[in-house]
């Protein structure tokens, strides 16, 4: 298996990587993946609309990001952007090579809380990292909705049970009198 470093494709002038693998018969199958397309795949795979993701290497260079296009002039004076250079504060503070699966809460400049996580993605050439940031308000929305429905149901049961209990207690106590 081979994974190349990012380079500019001759035919399309897009920046991407090539993945190649030798088949059992001896032929080689190769696939060119444009980094912009990889960013679109990341965006499509996100679990919530407000989530952001980035694929980056051990030095912190971003190969693909879900929230915005990356520069395409690799090999011609420009390099892949660093995580710290991304405009997205939820992604820019991530650390390559951090503890795998370590979730961490951060607050951005606008006061929005984010849950971040970085997981390793082993490849043939190196271990890349996939970082994801999800706003806590979106992440916890289903749990909060369940909590609210549960509280409302409990309150409704109590409101119905109290008059019924009072009525039954009065009826039983009348016979005792």
C-alpha atoms as a PDB file:
ATOM      1  CA  UNK A   1       0.000   0.000   0.000  1.00  0.00           C
ATOM      2  CA  UNK A   2       1.235   3.469  -0.860  1.00  0.00           C
ATOM      3  CA  UNK A   3      -0.037   6.902   0.146  1.00  0.00           C
ATOM      4  CA  UNK A   4       1.772   9.844  -1.387  1.00  0.00           C
ATOM      5  CA  UNK A   5       2.375  13.217   0.152  1.00  0.00           C
ATOM      6  CA  UNK A   6      -0.031  15.891  -1.125  1.00  0.00           C
ATOM      7  CA  UNK A   7       0.884  17.257  -4.540  1.00  0.00           C
ATOM      8  CA  UNK A   8      -0.758  19.120  -7.412  1.00  0.00           C
ATOM      9  CA  UNK A   9      -2.337  16.858 -10.020  1.00  0.00           C
ATOM     10  CA  UNK A  10      -1.054  17.597 -13.520  1.00  0.00           C
ATOM     11  CA  UNK A  11      -4.380  17.066 -15.280  1.00  0.00           C
ATOM     12  CA  UNK A  12      -6.782  18.979 -13.019  1.00  0.00           C
ATOM     13  CA  UNK A  13      -4.366  21.291 -11.146  1.00  0.00           C
ATOM     14  CA  UNK A  14      -6.099  20.252  -7.888  1.00  0.00           C
ATOM     15  CA  UNK A  15      -4.134  19.304  -4.795  1.00  0.00           C
ATOM     16  CA  UNK A  16      -4.485  15.742  -3.652  1.00  0.00           C
ATOM     17  CA  UNK A  17      -2.906  12.437  -2.729  1.00  0.00           C
ATOM     18  CA  UNK A  18      -2.555   9.151  -4.550  1.00  0.00           C
ATOM     19  CA  UNK A  19      -3.355   5.836  -2.928  1.00  0.00           C
ATOM     20  CA  UNK A  20      -1.982   2.731  -4.657  1.00  0.00           C
ATOM     21  CA  UNK A  21      -2.065  -0.976  -3.923  1.00  0.00           C
ATOM     22  CA  UNK A  22      -0.690  -4.030  -5.686  1.00  0.00           C
ATOM     23  CA  UNK A  23      -3.310  -6.680  -6.429  1.00  0.00           C
ATOM     24  CA  UNK A  24      -2.615 -10.407  -5.912  1.00  0.00           C
ATOM     25  CA  UNK A  25      -2.190 -10.788  -9.691  1.00  0.00           C
ATOM     26  CA  UNK A  26       0.645  -8.245  -9.684  1.00  0.00           C
ATOM     27  CA  UNK A  27      -1.148  -5.291 -11.244  1.00  0.00           C
ATOM     28  CA  UNK A  28      -1.315  -1.958  -9.454  1.00  0.00           C
ATOM     29  CA  UNK A  29      -4.559  -0.147  -8.688  1.00  0.00           C
ATOM     30  CA  UNK A  30      -4.235   3.565  -7.918  1.00  0.00           C
ATOM     31  CA  UNK A  31      -6.689   6.252  -6.893  1.00  0.00           C
ATOM     32  CA  UNK A  32      -6.178  10.012  -6.931  1.00  0.00           C
ATOM     33  CA  UNK A  33      -8.084  11.804  -4.171  1.00  0.00           C
ATOM     34  CA  UNK A  34      -8.439  15.583  -4.338  1.00  0.00           C
ATOM     35  CA  UNK A  35      -8.178  17.221  -0.916  1.00  0.00           C
ATOM     36  CA  UNK A  36     -11.220  19.400  -1.621  1.00  0.00           C
ATOM     37  CA  UNK A  37     -13.222  16.230  -2.340  1.00  0.00           C
ATOM     38  CA  UNK A  38     -11.920  14.704   0.884  1.00  0.00           C
ATOM     39  CA  UNK A  39     -13.158  17.790   2.750  1.00  0.00           C
ATOM     40  CA  UNK A  40     -16.602  17.346   1.182  1.00  0.00           C
ATOM     41  CA  UNK A  41     -16.627  13.687   2.278  1.00  0.00           C
ATOM     42  CA  UNK A  42     -15.760  14.799   5.819  1.00  0.00           C
ATOM     43  CA  UNK A  43     -18.582  17.354   5.759  1.00  0.00           C
ATOM     44  CA  UNK A  44     -21.088  14.766   4.509  1.00  0.00           C
ATOM     45  CA  UNK A  45     -20.096  12.279   7.236  1.00  0.00           C
ATOM     46  CA  UNK A  46     -20.604  14.654  10.156  1.00  0.00           C
ATOM     47  CA  UNK A  47     -23.269  13.544  12.634  1.00  0.00           C
ATOM     48  CA  UNK A  48     -24.741  17.017  13.262  1.00  0.00           C
ATOM     49  CA  UNK A  49     -25.092  20.116  11.070  1.00  0.00           C
ATOM     50  CA  UNK A  50     -22.941  22.314  13.320  1.00  0.00           C
ATOM     51  CA  UNK A  51     -20.088  19.812  13.657  1.00  0.00           C
ATOM     52  CA  UNK A  52     -16.680  20.421  12.104  1.00  0.00           C
ATOM     53  CA  UNK A  53     -13.911  17.970  11.221  1.00  0.00           C
ATOM     54  CA  UNK A  54     -10.334  18.088   9.993  1.00  0.00           C
ATOM     55  CA  UNK A  55      -7.823  15.482   8.849  1.00  0.00           C
ATOM     56  CA  UNK A  56      -4.261  16.447   9.741  1.00  0.00           C
ATOM     57  CA  UNK A  57      -0.784  14.957   9.989  1.00  0.00           C
ATOM     58  CA  UNK A  58       1.614  14.693  12.935  1.00  0.00           C
ATOM     59  CA  UNK A  59       3.069  18.139  12.238  1.00  0.00           C
ATOM     60  CA  UNK A  60      -0.367  19.788  12.366  1.00  0.00           C
ATOM     61  CA  UNK A  61      -0.739  20.355   8.607  1.00  0.00           C
ATOM     62  CA  UNK A  62      -4.381  20.078   7.543  1.00  0.00           C
ATOM     63  CA  UNK A  63      -5.065  17.752   4.615  1.00  0.00           C
ATOM     64  CA  UNK A  64      -8.821  18.278   4.579  1.00  0.00           C
ATOM     65  CA  UNK A  65     -11.377  20.207   6.572  1.00  0.00           C
ATOM     66  CA  UNK A  66     -15.151  20.116   6.512  1.00  0.00           C
ATOM     67  CA  UNK A  67     -15.579  23.804   7.221  1.00  0.00           C
ATOM     68  CA  UNK A  68     -13.988  25.581   4.280  1.00  0.00           C
ATOM     69  CA  UNK A  69     -11.657  25.114   1.354  1.00  0.00           C
ATOM     70  CA  UNK A  70      -7.942  24.705   1.802  1.00  0.00           C
ATOM     71  CA  UNK A  71      -5.242  26.336  -0.345  1.00  0.00           C
ATOM     72  CA  UNK A  72      -4.490  24.290  -3.462  1.00  0.00           C
ATOM     73  CA  UNK A  73      -1.038  25.602  -4.378  1.00  0.00           C
ATOM     74  CA  UNK A  74       0.930  22.766  -2.781  1.00  0.00           C
ATOM     75  CA  UNK A  75       4.375  22.441  -4.295  1.00  0.00           C
ATOM     76  CA  UNK A  76       4.332  25.926  -5.789  1.00  0.00           C
ATOM     77  CA  UNK A  77       5.301  28.116  -2.880  1.00  0.00           C
ATOM     78  CA  UNK A  78       2.381  27.391  -0.585  1.00  0.00           C
ATOM     79  CA  UNK A  79       2.073  24.587   1.927  1.00  0.00           C
ATOM     80  CA  UNK A  80      -0.864  22.937   3.570  1.00  0.00           C
ATOM     81  CA  UNK A  81      -2.262  25.160   6.319  1.00  0.00           C
ATOM     82  CA  UNK A  82      -1.535  24.438   9.957  1.00  0.00           C
ATOM     83  CA  UNK A  83      -4.322  23.719  12.421  1.00  0.00           C
ATOM     84  CA  UNK A  84      -3.455  26.925  14.242  1.00  0.00           C
ATOM     85  CA  UNK A  85      -4.022  28.909  11.016  1.00  0.00           C
ATOM     86  CA  UNK A  86      -7.598  27.735  10.502  1.00  0.00           C
ATOM     87  CA  UNK A  87     -10.261  30.362  11.047  1.00  0.00           C
ATOM     88  CA  UNK A  88     -12.405  27.829  12.903  1.00  0.00           C
ATOM     89  CA  UNK A  89     -11.567  28.139  16.641  1.00  0.00           C
ATOM     90  CA  UNK A  90     -13.123  24.761  17.421  1.00  0.00           C
ATOM     91  CA  UNK A  91     -10.595  23.030  15.146  1.00  0.00           C
ATOM     92  CA  UNK A  92      -7.596  25.331  15.438  1.00  0.00           C
ATOM     93  CA  UNK A  93      -6.800  24.394  19.028  1.00  0.00           C
ATOM     94  CA  UNK A  94      -6.540  20.649  18.398  1.00  0.00           C
ATOM     95  CA  UNK A  95      -3.215  18.949  18.987  1.00  0.00           C
ATOM     96  CA  UNK A  96      -1.808  16.341  16.601  1.00  0.00           C
ATOM     97  CA  UNK A  97      -0.520  13.212  18.269  1.00  0.00           C
ATOM     98  CA  UNK A  98      -2.559  13.809  21.403  1.00  0.00           C
ATOM     99  CA  UNK A  99      -4.040  11.079  23.545  1.00  0.00           C
ATOM    100  CA  UNK A 100      -6.310   8.978  21.328  1.00  0.00           C
ATOM    101  CA  UNK A 101     -10.043   9.229  21.936  1.00  0.00           C
ATOM    102  CA  UNK A 102      -9.559  11.906  24.610  1.00  0.00           C
ATOM    103  CA  UNK A 103     -12.644  14.099  24.544  1.00  0.00           C
ATOM    104  CA  UNK A 104     -12.199  17.667  25.670  1.00  0.00           C
ATOM    105  CA  UNK A 105     -14.577  20.577  26.208  1.00  0.00           C
ATOM    106  CA  UNK A 106     -13.545  24.019  24.987  1.00  0.00           C
ATOM    107  CA  UNK A 107     -15.269  27.381  24.685  1.00  0.00           C
ATOM    108  CA  UNK A 108     -14.771  29.566  21.629  1.00  0.00           C
ATOM    109  CA  UNK A 109     -14.503  33.346  21.555  1.00  0.00           C
ATOM    110  CA  UNK A 110     -18.251  33.667  21.004  1.00  0.00           C
ATOM    111  CA  UNK A 111     -18.925  31.750  24.218  1.00  0.00           C
ATOM    112  CA  UNK A 112     -20.180  28.589  22.502  1.00  0.00           C
ATOM    113  CA  UNK A 113     -19.070  25.342  24.153  1.00  0.00           C
ATOM    114  CA  UNK A 114     -17.621  22.580  21.952  1.00  0.00           C
ATOM    115  CA  UNK A 115     -16.806  18.940  22.570  1.00  0.00           C
ATOM    116  CA  UNK A 116     -13.631  17.974  20.696  1.00  0.00           C
ATOM    117  CA  UNK A 117     -12.058  14.624  20.008  1.00  0.00           C
ATOM    118  CA  UNK A 118      -9.022  13.458  18.052  1.00  0.00           C
ATOM    119  CA  UNK A 119      -8.626   9.870  16.845  1.00  0.00           C
ATOM    120  CA  UNK A 120      -5.680   8.324  14.972  1.00  0.00           C
ATOM    121  CA  UNK A 121      -6.140   7.217  11.360  1.00  0.00           C
ATOM    122  CA  UNK A 122      -3.339   4.820  10.414  1.00  0.00           C
ATOM    123  CA  UNK A 123      -2.261   4.911   6.780  1.00  0.00           C
ATOM    124  CA  UNK A 124       0.516   3.185   4.858  1.00  0.00           C
ATOM    125  CA  UNK A 125       2.804   6.210   5.080  1.00  0.00           C
ATOM    126  CA  UNK A 126       2.049   7.717   8.489  1.00  0.00           C
ATOM    127  CA  UNK A 127      -0.575   8.055  11.160  1.00  0.00           C
ATOM    128  CA  UNK A 128      -2.948  10.885  10.436  1.00  0.00           C
ATOM    129  CA  UNK A 129      -5.379  12.335  12.963  1.00  0.00           C
ATOM    130  CA  UNK A 130      -9.058  12.980  12.517  1.00  0.00           C
ATOM    131  CA  UNK A 131     -10.296  15.774  14.724  1.00  0.00           C
ATOM    132  CA  UNK A 132     -13.959  16.499  15.267  1.00  0.00           C
ATOM    133  CA  UNK A 133     -15.648  19.344  17.124  1.00  0.00           C
ATOM    134  CA  UNK A 134     -19.361  19.316  17.928  1.00  0.00           C
ATOM    135  CA  UNK A 135     -21.240  22.176  19.620  1.00  0.00           C
ATOM    136  CA  UNK A 136     -22.470  20.988  23.025  1.00  0.00           C
ATOM    137  CA  UNK A 137     -25.890  22.571  22.545  1.00  0.00           C
ATOM    138  CA  UNK A 138     -26.438  20.435  19.424  1.00  0.00           C
ATOM    139  CA  UNK A 139     -24.833  17.341  20.937  1.00  0.00           C
ATOM    140  CA  UNK A 140     -26.999  17.482  24.056  1.00  0.00           C
ATOM    141  CA  UNK A 141     -30.238  18.603  22.350  1.00  0.00           C
ATOM    142  CA  UNK A 142     -31.738  15.079  22.123  1.00  0.00           C
ATOM    143  CA  UNK A 143     -30.891  14.351  25.779  1.00  0.00           C
ATOM    144  CA  UNK A 144     -32.392  17.662  26.855  1.00  0.00           C
ATOM    145  CA  UNK A 145     -35.553  16.932  24.850  1.00  0.00           C
ATOM    146  CA  UNK A 146     -35.891  13.542  26.580  1.00  0.00           C
ATOM    147  CA  UNK A 147     -35.338  15.204  29.963  1.00  0.00           C
ATOM    148  CA  UNK A 148     -38.000  17.816  29.245  1.00  0.00           C
ATOM    149  CA  UNK A 149     -40.534  15.202  28.080  1.00  0.00           C
ATOM    150  CA  UNK A 150     -39.812  13.061  31.142  1.00  0.00           C
ATOM    151  CA  UNK A 151     -40.275  15.997  33.519  1.00  0.00           C
ATOM    152  CA  UNK A 152     -43.494  17.022  31.791  1.00  0.00           C
ATOM    153  CA  UNK A 153     -44.848  13.453  31.973  1.00  0.00           C
ATOM    154  CA  UNK A 154     -43.918  13.159  35.648  1.00  0.00           C
ATOM    155  CA  UNK A 155     -45.583  16.463  36.439  1.00  0.00           C
ATOM    156  CA  UNK A 156     -48.736  15.429  34.546  1.00  0.00           C
ATOM    157  CA  UNK A 157     -48.909  12.131  36.440  1.00  0.00           C
ATOM    158  CA  UNK A 158     -48.469  13.961  39.758  1.00  0.00           C
ATOM    159  CA  UNK A 159     -51.150  16.507  38.900  1.00  0.00           C
ATOM    160  CA  UNK A 160     -53.579  13.713  38.043  1.00  0.00           C
ATOM    161  CA  UNK A 161     -52.575  11.492  40.961  1.00  0.00           C
ATOM    162  CA  UNK A 162     -52.958  14.128  43.695  1.00  0.00           C
ATOM    163  CA  UNK A 163     -56.692  14.813  43.164  1.00  0.00           C
ATOM    164  CA  UNK A 164     -57.362  11.101  42.707  1.00  0.00           C
ATOM    165  CA  UNK A 165     -55.469  10.266  45.897  1.00  0.00           C
ATOM    166  CA  UNK A 166     -57.350  12.996  47.787  1.00  0.00           C
ATOM    167  CA  UNK A 167     -60.697  11.728  46.522  1.00  0.00           C
ATOM    168  CA  UNK A 168     -59.886   8.105  47.440  1.00  0.00           C
ATOM    169  CA  UNK A 169     -58.610   9.100  50.903  1.00  0.00           C
ATOM    170  CA  UNK A 170     -61.805  11.093  51.607  1.00  0.00           C
ATOM    171  CA  UNK A 171     -63.968   8.218  50.471  1.00  0.00           C
ATOM    172  CA  UNK A 172     -62.173   5.685  52.704  1.00  0.00           C
ATOM    173  CA  UNK A 173     -62.124   8.040  55.706  1.00  0.00           C
ATOM    174  CA  UNK A 174     -65.893   8.699  55.468  1.00  0.00           C
ATOM    175  CA  UNK A 175     -66.583   5.040  56.122  1.00  0.00           C
ATOM    176  CA  UNK A 176     -64.321   5.118  59.159  1.00  0.00           C
ATOM    177  CA  UNK A 177     -66.243   8.076  60.611  1.00  0.00           C
END
